[in-house]
């Protein structure tokens, strides 16, 4: 087989034939990592996914303190996971991700097409083995391995959150505080995320041009549709795009957004690009600054329940659409879920809503019951 016929990431494409190196262990490990990166690129995985996977492999190698993957054992993987869980307290979903990276890396090394096992045998008189197996890998406990405490905001909690956000803006304007525009930005981000059911990165990456009219709902003007360009990707895939239609129940956000665009956003020196939410030092708010400012808002509002976070705004949006009677397929498209079962995990309808549903069902059933006659 010529080198032109070899698959991306094969050993013979990454290692120079017949050339001795000073530190063969380091050279071979780096060639393995580079080859795996090339193989993942050939599979059309995103750069972010590849970078995260490689970082996991390097982290495990540092933990093992051995020559390289040809010396890794399942016991080493068990010890690493034990440390991550017991000392660092990593979440179940993170453990799954780390184990997945290790499993895929070892599958790549053990694939005969890439010839890494033979290279290791020739150079180190040993070869890699799979270290993540059915016996020592974590399981998906249920469809959503996240924190079961997470929930949607109640109507009163949402009102408190928005009222507190508005009060902070008003107070800082009155006292002439420098942070008035920052408070207005936080308030607008909170309302926009809820009104269109957006994830944190989706609202962070919005541009001024990411809104447009809905021909069938002209009353919403230029904000009839929110075009999401940085939707959550499937594993290894590019970001997903979708258009989220403005619904009457959250159309109040339009006035808030117009106020931000006309009065708030121009107050930032970095508002020279198209980003909807710039900062004092950057043309776009960072992924770290956004949860920090939102957390401060929640603390001020007294909403310190660990089950509530920024993503709870999205859960609240799904719940609102369900309680307003929107079709389940429409809701699924609005929030960009591939499966309806995922959307169902976001639904936290109120007891009052469930009571109304039961009452309506009883009324409908009563209309079909035969009239009872008195018996003497």
Protein backbone atom coordinates (compact mmCIF):
# COMPACT_ATOMS: atom_id res chain seq x y z
CA UNK A 1 0.00 0.00 0.00
CA UNK A 2 1.43 3.41 -0.96
CA UNK A 3 1.31 6.36 1.43
CA UNK A 4 -1.32 7.96 -0.80
CA UNK A 5 -3.65 5.05 -0.02
CA UNK A 6 -3.23 5.22 3.76
CA UNK A 7 -6.11 6.57 5.88
CA UNK A 8 -5.69 9.95 7.64
CA UNK A 9 -3.88 9.47 10.92
CA UNK A 10 -2.09 6.26 10.06
CA UNK A 11 1.25 5.60 11.77
CA UNK A 12 3.28 5.61 8.56
CA UNK A 13 1.98 9.09 7.73
CA UNK A 14 2.96 10.46 11.14
CA UNK A 15 6.32 8.77 11.80
CA UNK A 16 9.41 9.19 9.63
CA UNK A 17 10.67 5.81 8.43
CA UNK A 18 14.20 4.77 9.36
CA UNK A 19 15.00 7.87 11.45
CA UNK A 20 16.05 7.42 15.07
CA UNK A 21 14.75 9.99 17.53
CA UNK A 22 16.24 11.04 20.86
CA UNK A 23 13.05 10.42 22.87
CA UNK A 24 11.02 7.83 20.94
CA UNK A 25 8.30 7.54 23.61
CA UNK A 26 7.46 11.24 23.44
CA UNK A 27 7.73 11.32 19.66
CA UNK A 28 5.40 8.36 19.19
CA UNK A 29 2.83 9.71 21.66
CA UNK A 30 2.77 13.10 19.92
CA UNK A 31 2.44 11.38 16.55
CA UNK A 32 -0.49 9.34 17.89
CA UNK A 33 -2.27 12.45 19.11
CA UNK A 34 -1.65 14.27 15.84
CA UNK A 35 -2.81 11.28 13.83
CA UNK A 36 -5.98 10.96 15.90
CA UNK A 37 -6.69 14.64 15.35
CA UNK A 38 -6.36 14.13 11.61
CA UNK A 39 -8.65 11.11 11.74
CA UNK A 40 -11.28 13.12 13.62
CA UNK A 41 -11.01 15.95 11.11
CA UNK A 42 -11.59 13.43 8.35
CA UNK A 43 -14.77 12.40 10.20
CA UNK A 44 -15.89 16.05 9.98
CA UNK A 45 -15.81 16.63 13.73
CA UNK A 46 -15.66 20.25 14.85
CA UNK A 47 -12.40 21.87 15.94
CA UNK A 48 -13.80 22.43 19.42
CA UNK A 49 -14.69 18.76 19.83
CA UNK A 50 -11.27 17.63 18.64
CA UNK A 51 -9.50 20.05 20.97
CA UNK A 52 -11.53 18.86 23.97
CA UNK A 53 -10.91 15.19 23.15
CA UNK A 54 -7.17 15.72 22.78
CA UNK A 55 -7.04 17.66 26.06
CA UNK A 56 -8.61 14.67 27.82
CA UNK A 57 -6.00 12.31 26.39
CA UNK A 58 -3.14 14.57 27.50
CA UNK A 59 -4.65 14.94 30.95
CA UNK A 60 -4.86 11.18 31.36
CA UNK A 61 -1.29 10.73 30.12
CA UNK A 62 -0.07 13.22 32.73
CA UNK A 63 -1.97 11.28 35.40
CA UNK A 64 -0.52 7.90 34.38
CA UNK A 65 3.12 9.06 34.32
CA UNK A 66 4.07 6.17 32.03
CA UNK A 67 5.74 6.09 28.63
CA UNK A 68 2.58 6.20 26.56
CA UNK A 69 -0.73 4.54 25.60
CA UNK A 70 1.00 1.22 24.95
CA UNK A 71 1.54 1.06 28.74
CA UNK A 72 -1.93 2.20 29.80
CA UNK A 73 -4.11 -0.31 31.67
CA UNK A 74 -7.79 -0.44 32.70
CA UNK A 75 -6.66 -0.12 36.33
CA UNK A 76 -5.08 3.26 35.52
CA UNK A 77 -8.35 4.41 33.98
CA UNK A 78 -10.23 3.26 37.08
CA UNK A 79 -7.85 5.18 39.36
CA UNK A 80 -8.19 8.34 37.28
CA UNK A 81 -11.98 8.23 37.26
CA UNK A 82 -11.99 7.55 41.01
CA UNK A 83 -9.88 10.67 41.57
CA UNK A 84 -12.08 12.77 39.28
CA UNK A 85 -15.21 11.71 41.13
CA UNK A 86 -13.95 11.47 44.70
CA UNK A 87 -11.61 14.47 44.84
CA UNK A 88 -12.74 16.81 42.07
CA UNK A 89 -16.43 15.89 42.25
CA UNK A 90 -16.99 15.86 38.48
CA UNK A 91 -20.53 15.34 37.21
CA UNK A 92 -21.77 12.05 35.78
CA UNK A 93 -22.04 13.58 32.30
CA UNK A 94 -18.42 14.79 32.44
CA UNK A 95 -17.21 11.33 33.40
CA UNK A 96 -19.10 9.91 30.44
CA UNK A 97 -17.41 12.41 28.15
CA UNK A 98 -13.92 11.61 29.45
CA UNK A 99 -14.43 7.88 29.19
CA UNK A 100 -15.78 8.30 25.68
CA UNK A 101 -12.65 10.17 24.61
CA UNK A 102 -10.39 7.46 26.03
CA UNK A 103 -12.42 4.69 24.41
CA UNK A 104 -12.37 6.35 20.98
CA UNK A 105 -8.63 7.06 21.20
CA UNK A 106 -7.84 3.44 22.04
CA UNK A 107 -10.16 2.20 19.28
CA UNK A 108 -8.18 4.36 16.87
CA UNK A 109 -4.84 2.97 18.07
CA UNK A 110 -6.08 -0.61 17.88
CA UNK A 111 -7.54 -0.29 14.38
CA UNK A 112 -5.23 -2.32 12.08
CA UNK A 113 -5.73 0.21 9.29
CA UNK A 114 -3.69 2.77 11.23
CA UNK A 115 -0.86 0.35 12.15
CA UNK A 116 -0.18 1.84 15.59
CA UNK A 117 -0.28 -1.51 17.40
CA UNK A 118 2.41 -2.87 15.10
CA UNK A 119 4.53 0.25 15.54
CA UNK A 120 4.36 -0.12 19.32
CA UNK A 121 5.24 -3.80 19.12
CA UNK A 122 8.27 -3.05 16.95
CA UNK A 123 9.51 -0.12 19.02
CA UNK A 124 8.54 -1.02 22.60
CA UNK A 125 7.87 -4.79 22.48
CA UNK A 126 4.28 -4.24 23.64
CA UNK A 127 1.04 -2.84 22.26
CA UNK A 128 -2.01 -0.84 23.43
CA UNK A 129 -5.14 -2.47 24.86
CA UNK A 130 -8.63 -1.08 25.30
CA UNK A 131 -8.81 0.46 28.79
CA UNK A 132 -12.50 1.49 28.78
CA UNK A 133 -14.70 -1.56 28.54
CA UNK A 134 -18.23 -2.58 29.37
CA UNK A 135 -17.02 -3.53 32.83
CA UNK A 136 -15.57 -0.16 33.90
CA UNK A 137 -17.51 2.45 31.91
CA UNK A 138 -20.24 4.69 33.28
CA UNK A 139 -23.82 4.20 32.15
CA UNK A 140 -26.45 6.69 31.11
CA UNK A 141 -28.65 6.44 34.18
CA UNK A 142 -31.58 8.06 32.36
CA UNK A 143 -32.30 10.21 29.33
CA UNK A 144 -31.03 13.37 31.01
CA UNK A 145 -27.94 12.69 33.12
CA UNK A 146 -27.98 16.24 34.47
CA UNK A 147 -28.84 17.45 37.95
CA UNK A 148 -32.40 16.28 38.77
CA UNK A 149 -32.91 19.42 40.88
CA UNK A 150 -32.97 21.62 37.79
CA UNK A 151 -36.39 23.09 37.04
CA UNK A 152 -38.21 25.98 35.41
CA UNK A 153 -38.97 29.27 37.11
CA UNK A 154 -42.48 29.66 38.44
CA UNK A 155 -44.52 32.62 37.21
CA UNK A 156 -43.88 34.52 40.43
CA UNK A 157 -40.14 33.79 40.30
CA UNK A 158 -39.93 35.04 36.74
CA UNK A 159 -41.75 38.20 37.71
CA UNK A 160 -39.39 38.73 40.66
CA UNK A 161 -36.38 38.19 38.40
CA UNK A 162 -37.52 40.71 35.80
CA UNK A 163 -38.66 43.24 38.41
CA UNK A 164 -35.31 43.03 40.18
CA UNK A 165 -33.45 43.46 36.88
CA UNK A 166 -35.49 46.56 36.04
CA UNK A 167 -35.07 47.96 39.57
CA UNK A 168 -31.29 47.62 39.33
CA UNK A 169 -31.26 49.58 36.07
CA UNK A 170 -33.48 52.33 37.50
CA UNK A 171 -31.44 52.61 40.70
CA UNK A 172 -28.11 52.89 38.90
CA UNK A 173 -29.47 55.52 36.52
CA UNK A 174 -30.79 57.58 39.43
CA UNK A 175 -27.53 57.57 41.36
CA UNK A 176 -25.45 58.04 38.24
CA UNK A 177 -23.61 54.77 38.68
CA UNK A 178 -21.33 53.63 35.89
CA UNK A 179 -22.92 50.19 35.80
CA UNK A 180 -26.34 51.33 34.60
CA UNK A 181 -25.70 50.10 31.06
CA UNK A 182 -24.29 46.84 32.38
CA UNK A 183 -27.45 46.31 34.42
CA UNK A 184 -29.58 47.10 31.37
CA UNK A 185 -27.59 44.56 29.34
CA UNK A 186 -28.13 41.86 31.98
CA UNK A 187 -31.84 42.63 32.14
CA UNK A 188 -32.17 42.51 28.34
CA UNK A 189 -30.21 39.26 28.02
CA UNK A 190 -32.42 37.65 30.67
CA UNK A 191 -35.64 38.70 28.93
CA UNK A 192 -34.42 37.78 25.43
CA UNK A 193 -33.28 34.32 26.58
CA UNK A 194 -36.70 33.65 28.10
CA UNK A 195 -38.78 35.22 25.31
CA UNK A 196 -37.22 33.04 22.60
CA UNK A 197 -36.13 30.05 24.70
CA UNK A 198 -32.43 30.50 24.01
CA UNK A 199 -29.43 28.76 25.47
CA UNK A 200 -26.66 30.83 27.03
CA UNK A 201 -24.31 30.71 24.05
CA UNK A 202 -27.17 31.25 21.62
CA UNK A 203 -28.15 34.56 23.20
CA UNK A 204 -24.51 35.56 23.67
CA UNK A 205 -23.76 35.09 19.97
CA UNK A 206 -26.75 37.08 18.68
CA UNK A 207 -26.05 39.90 16.25
CA UNK A 208 -28.16 42.90 15.35
CA UNK A 209 -28.91 41.22 12.05
CA UNK A 210 -30.28 38.05 13.64
CA UNK A 211 -33.87 39.29 13.69
CA UNK A 212 -36.37 39.60 10.89
CA UNK A 213 -40.07 40.05 10.17
CA UNK A 214 -42.61 37.26 10.09
CA UNK A 215 -44.91 37.81 7.07
CA UNK A 216 -47.75 36.12 8.93
CA UNK A 217 -47.28 38.20 12.09
CA UNK A 218 -46.55 41.70 10.88
CA UNK A 219 -47.52 43.19 14.25
CA UNK A 220 -44.10 42.13 15.58
CA UNK A 221 -42.29 44.29 13.03
CA UNK A 222 -38.61 43.52 12.54
CA UNK A 223 -38.64 41.12 15.51
CA UNK A 224 -41.03 38.50 14.16
CA UNK A 225 -38.27 35.86 13.96
CA UNK A 226 -35.07 35.35 15.95
CA UNK A 227 -32.49 33.59 13.80
CA UNK A 228 -30.21 31.40 15.92
CA UNK A 229 -26.91 30.76 14.14
CA UNK A 230 -25.01 29.15 17.00
CA UNK A 231 -27.41 26.46 18.18
CA UNK A 232 -26.12 23.54 20.19
CA UNK A 233 -24.48 21.05 17.81
CA UNK A 234 -24.80 17.31 17.85
CA UNK A 235 -21.59 15.70 19.09
CA UNK A 236 -18.82 16.53 16.66
CA UNK A 237 -21.08 18.44 14.25
CA UNK A 238 -21.14 22.14 13.38
CA UNK A 239 -23.49 24.47 15.19
CA UNK A 240 -27.14 24.19 14.20
CA UNK A 241 -29.24 27.03 12.81
CA UNK A 242 -32.93 27.61 13.41
CA UNK A 243 -35.50 30.35 13.29
CA UNK A 244 -37.52 30.96 16.46
CA UNK A 245 -40.87 32.62 15.82
CA UNK A 246 -41.99 35.33 18.20
CA UNK A 247 -45.14 34.28 20.05
CA UNK A 248 -47.76 36.71 21.40
CA UNK A 249 -47.18 35.58 25.00
CA UNK A 250 -43.62 36.98 25.00
CA UNK A 251 -43.97 39.81 22.48
CA UNK A 252 -43.49 42.29 25.35
CA UNK A 253 -39.76 41.68 24.95
CA UNK A 254 -39.73 43.70 21.72
CA UNK A 255 -39.98 47.01 23.58
CA UNK A 256 -37.16 45.94 25.90
CA UNK A 257 -34.95 44.92 22.99
CA UNK A 258 -35.59 48.15 21.09
CA UNK A 259 -34.68 50.16 24.18
CA UNK A 260 -31.41 48.25 24.49
CA UNK A 261 -30.51 48.69 20.81
CA UNK A 262 -31.39 52.40 20.74
CA UNK A 263 -30.22 53.53 24.18
CA UNK A 264 -28.15 50.87 25.92
CA UNK A 265 -25.88 49.31 23.33
CA UNK A 266 -24.48 52.61 21.94
CA UNK A 267 -23.12 53.35 25.43
CA UNK A 268 -20.35 50.80 25.00
CA UNK A 269 -17.15 51.83 23.28
CA UNK A 270 -16.81 48.38 21.73
CA UNK A 271 -20.24 48.55 20.04
CA UNK A 272 -18.62 49.00 16.64
CA UNK A 273 -19.39 45.54 15.28
CA UNK A 274 -22.69 43.74 14.87
CA UNK A 275 -22.78 41.86 18.21
CA UNK A 276 -26.03 42.51 20.06
CA UNK A 277 -24.41 42.43 23.51
CA UNK A 278 -20.93 44.05 23.62
CA UNK A 279 -18.93 44.85 26.76
CA UNK A 280 -16.62 47.66 27.86
CA UNK A 281 -13.53 45.78 26.65
CA UNK A 282 -14.78 43.42 23.97
CA UNK A 283 -17.14 43.43 21.02
CA UNK A 284 -19.13 40.57 22.58
CA UNK A 285 -19.89 39.43 26.12
CA UNK A 286 -17.86 36.38 27.07
CA UNK A 287 -19.23 32.97 27.96
CA UNK A 288 -17.86 33.39 31.47
CA UNK A 289 -19.11 36.92 32.17
CA UNK A 290 -22.70 36.14 31.25
CA UNK A 291 -23.41 33.51 33.96
CA UNK A 292 -21.56 35.66 36.50
CA UNK A 293 -23.78 38.70 35.91
CA UNK A 294 -26.90 36.53 35.83
CA UNK A 295 -25.91 34.85 39.09
CA UNK A 296 -25.55 38.26 40.74
CA UNK A 297 -29.04 39.17 39.52
CA UNK A 298 -30.50 35.96 40.98
CA UNK A 299 -28.78 36.58 44.32
CA UNK A 300 -30.22 40.09 44.46
CA UNK A 301 -33.69 38.72 43.65
CA UNK A 302 -33.35 36.11 46.39
CA UNK A 303 -33.57 33.24 43.89
CA UNK A 304 -30.83 31.03 45.33
CA UNK A 305 -32.47 27.64 44.74
CA UNK A 306 -29.71 25.39 43.29
CA UNK A 307 -32.30 24.04 40.86
CA UNK A 308 -32.53 27.42 39.13
CA UNK A 309 -29.94 28.67 36.65
CA UNK A 310 -29.72 30.47 33.33
CA UNK A 311 -30.95 27.39 31.49
CA UNK A 312 -34.09 27.48 33.63
CA UNK A 313 -35.22 30.40 31.47
CA UNK A 314 -35.34 27.97 28.55
CA UNK A 315 -37.23 25.43 30.64
CA UNK A 316 -39.71 28.17 31.54
CA UNK A 317 -40.19 29.02 27.88
CA UNK A 318 -41.05 25.42 26.99
CA UNK A 319 -43.42 25.25 29.94
CA UNK A 320 -45.13 28.47 28.83
CA UNK A 321 -45.74 27.13 25.33
CA UNK A 322 -47.13 23.87 26.69
CA UNK A 323 -49.49 25.63 29.07
CA UNK A 324 -50.65 27.95 26.27
CA UNK A 325 -51.64 24.94 24.18
CA UNK A 326 -49.04 25.08 21.40
CA UNK A 327 -48.53 21.93 19.35
CA UNK A 328 -45.72 19.71 20.60
CA UNK A 329 -44.04 19.64 17.19
CA UNK A 330 -44.07 23.45 17.06
CA UNK A 331 -42.43 23.61 20.50
CA UNK A 332 -39.81 21.10 19.46
CA UNK A 333 -38.92 23.18 16.39
CA UNK A 334 -38.86 26.40 18.40
CA UNK A 335 -36.25 25.13 20.85
CA UNK A 336 -34.27 23.11 18.31
CA UNK A 337 -34.62 19.64 19.81
CA UNK A 338 -34.04 16.71 17.51
CA UNK A 339 -36.33 14.46 19.54
CA UNK A 340 -39.66 15.21 21.19
CA UNK A 341 -38.56 13.17 24.20
CA UNK A 342 -35.88 15.78 24.87
CA UNK A 343 -38.46 18.56 24.83
CA UNK A 344 -40.57 16.66 27.33
CA UNK A 345 -37.70 16.78 29.82
CA UNK A 346 -37.95 20.58 29.78
CA UNK A 347 -41.64 20.69 30.63
CA UNK A 348 -42.51 21.71 34.19
CA UNK A 349 -46.21 22.56 34.05
CA UNK A 350 -47.76 24.10 37.15
CA UNK A 351 -50.25 22.25 39.39
CA UNK A 352 -52.86 24.85 38.45
CA UNK A 353 -52.42 24.00 34.77
CA UNK A 354 -52.79 20.29 35.43
CA UNK A 355 -55.90 20.96 37.48
CA UNK A 356 -57.42 22.93 34.60
CA UNK A 357 -56.65 20.09 32.18
CA UNK A 358 -58.36 17.54 34.44
CA UNK A 359 -61.35 19.83 34.99
CA UNK A 360 -61.73 20.35 31.24
CA UNK A 361 -61.54 16.60 30.67
CA UNK A 362 -64.20 15.98 33.29
CA UNK A 363 -66.49 18.57 31.72
CA UNK A 364 -66.02 17.01 28.30
CA UNK A 365 -66.70 13.54 29.67
CA UNK A 366 -69.79 14.72 31.51
CA UNK A 367 -71.33 15.82 28.25
CA UNK A 368 -71.18 12.26 26.93
CA UNK A 369 -72.59 10.53 30.00
CA UNK A 370 -76.23 9.28 29.76
CA UNK A 371 -78.70 11.05 31.95
CA UNK A 372 -79.50 9.23 35.17
CA UNK A 373 -83.14 8.53 35.96
CA UNK A 374 -84.47 8.34 39.48
CA UNK A 375 -85.60 4.89 40.54
CA UNK A 376 -88.36 4.46 43.08
